C-alpha atoms as a PDB file:
ATOM      1  CA  MET A   1      21.321 -27.765   8.520  1.00  0.00           C
ATOM      2  CA  ALA A   2      18.959 -28.004   5.550  1.00  0.00           C
ATOM      3  CA  ALA A   3      20.138 -26.974   2.107  1.00  0.00           C
ATOM      4  CA  PHE A   4      18.438 -24.175   0.224  1.00  0.00           C
ATOM      5  CA  VAL A   5      16.201 -25.604  -2.478  1.00  0.00           C
ATOM      6  CA  SER A   6      14.827 -23.392  -5.224  1.00  0.00           C
ATOM      7  CA  GLY A   7      11.465 -24.399  -6.585  1.00  0.00           C
ATOM      8  CA  PRO A   8       8.006 -23.203  -7.525  1.00  0.00           C
ATOM      9  CA  LEU A   9       6.176 -20.820  -5.222  1.00  0.00           C
ATOM     10  CA  VAL A  10       3.699 -22.617  -3.012  1.00  0.00           C
ATOM     11  CA  THR A  11       0.609 -21.029  -1.483  1.00  0.00           C
ATOM     12  CA  ARG A  12       1.951 -21.001   2.080  1.00  0.00           C
ATOM     13  CA  ASP A  13       4.943 -18.883   0.945  1.00  0.00           C
ATOM     14  CA  ALA A  14       2.933 -16.368  -1.097  1.00  0.00           C
ATOM     15  CA  ALA A  15       2.216 -14.193   1.958  1.00  0.00           C
ATOM     16  CA  LEU A  16       5.903 -13.369   2.131  1.00  0.00           C
ATOM     17  CA  PHE A  17       5.495 -11.289  -1.029  1.00  0.00           C
ATOM     18  CA  THR A  18       2.759  -9.025   0.358  1.00  0.00           C
ATOM     19  CA  ASP A  19       3.998  -5.894   2.069  1.00  0.00           C
ATOM     20  CA  LEU A  20       2.296  -3.236   4.170  1.00  0.00           C
ATOM     21  CA  TYR A  21       1.961  -0.884   1.186  1.00  0.00           C
ATOM     22  CA  GLU A  22      -0.035  -3.458  -0.795  1.00  0.00           C
ATOM     23  CA  LEU A  23      -2.251  -4.236   2.188  1.00  0.00           C
ATOM     24  CA  THR A  24      -2.891  -0.530   2.810  1.00  0.00           C
ATOM     25  CA  MET A  25      -3.831   0.079  -0.832  1.00  0.00           C
ATOM     26  CA  ALA A  26      -6.162  -2.937  -0.858  1.00  0.00           C
ATOM     27  CA  ALA A  27      -7.854  -1.738   2.350  1.00  0.00           C
ATOM     28  CA  SER A  28      -8.383   1.753   0.916  1.00  0.00           C
ATOM     29  CA  TYR A  29      -9.935   0.367  -2.293  1.00  0.00           C
ATOM     30  CA  PHE A  30     -12.237  -1.838  -0.235  1.00  0.00           C
ATOM     31  CA  ARG A  31     -13.200   1.043   2.097  1.00  0.00           C
ATOM     32  CA  GLU A  32     -13.937   3.362  -0.862  1.00  0.00           C
ATOM     33  CA  GLY A  33     -15.969   0.671  -2.630  1.00  0.00           C
ATOM     34  CA  THR A  34     -13.660   0.581  -5.636  1.00  0.00           C
ATOM     35  CA  CYS A  35     -12.792  -3.094  -5.553  1.00  0.00           C
ATOM     36  CA  ALA A  36     -12.499  -3.445  -9.332  1.00  0.00           C
ATOM     37  CA  HIS A  37      -9.370  -4.875 -10.924  1.00  0.00           C
ATOM     38  CA  ARG A  38      -6.351  -2.710 -10.099  1.00  0.00           C
ATOM     39  CA  THR A  39      -2.923  -2.592 -11.668  1.00  0.00           C
ATOM     40  CA  ALA A  40       0.060  -1.441  -9.657  1.00  0.00           C
ATOM     41  CA  ILE A  41       3.362  -0.357 -11.102  1.00  0.00           C
ATOM     42  CA  PRO A  42       6.041  -1.913  -8.927  1.00  0.00           C
ATOM     43  CA  PHE A  43       9.165   0.107  -8.254  1.00  0.00           C
ATOM     44  CA  ASP A  44      11.673   0.524  -5.510  1.00  0.00           C
ATOM     45  CA  ARG A  45      10.308   3.512  -3.605  1.00  0.00           C
ATOM     46  CA  ALA A  46      13.645   4.284  -1.944  1.00  0.00           C
ATOM     47  CA  GLY A  47      15.467   3.930  -5.261  1.00  0.00           C
ATOM     48  CA  ALA A  48      13.057   6.236  -7.041  1.00  0.00           C
ATOM     49  CA  TRP A  49      13.461   8.868  -4.329  1.00  0.00           C
ATOM     50  CA  SER A  50      17.266   8.556  -4.383  1.00  0.00           C
ATOM     51  CA  THR A  51      17.356   8.902  -8.159  1.00  0.00           C
ATOM     52  CA  SER A  52      15.116  11.964  -8.057  1.00  0.00           C
ATOM     53  CA  ARG A  53      17.270  13.635  -5.397  1.00  0.00           C
ATOM     54  CA  ALA A  54      20.456  12.870  -7.305  1.00  0.00           C
ATOM     55  CA  ARG A  55      18.995  14.334 -10.502  1.00  0.00           C
ATOM     56  CA  SER A  56      17.938  17.540  -8.762  1.00  0.00           C
ATOM     57  CA  LYS A  57      21.387  17.929  -7.187  1.00  0.00           C
ATOM     58  CA  LEU A  58      23.031  17.508 -10.588  1.00  0.00           C
ATOM     59  CA  ARG A  59      20.739  20.154 -12.077  1.00  0.00           C
ATOM     60  CA  SER A  60      21.582  22.623  -9.320  1.00  0.00           C
ATOM     61  CA  ARG A  61      25.345  22.192  -9.905  1.00  0.00           C
ATOM     62  CA  ARG A  62      25.317  22.896 -13.645  1.00  0.00           C
ATOM     63  CA  PRO A  63      27.241  25.990 -14.686  1.00  0.00           C
ATOM     64  CA  ARG A  64      25.040  28.719 -16.092  1.00  0.00           C
END
């Protein structure tokens, strides 16, 4: 069994960091003809949703 070796990212491994969301956004920009430089704000979509739901539940339980 080979040992895990940490090192610099090589080109052949870079595809592992592209997900369906990024590919979908790139395709929509290309289709709309807006292929200029884009900046995305990375965040954990599930985490953001969970935090939002938790906050709304806390608000609804506050005594009035």
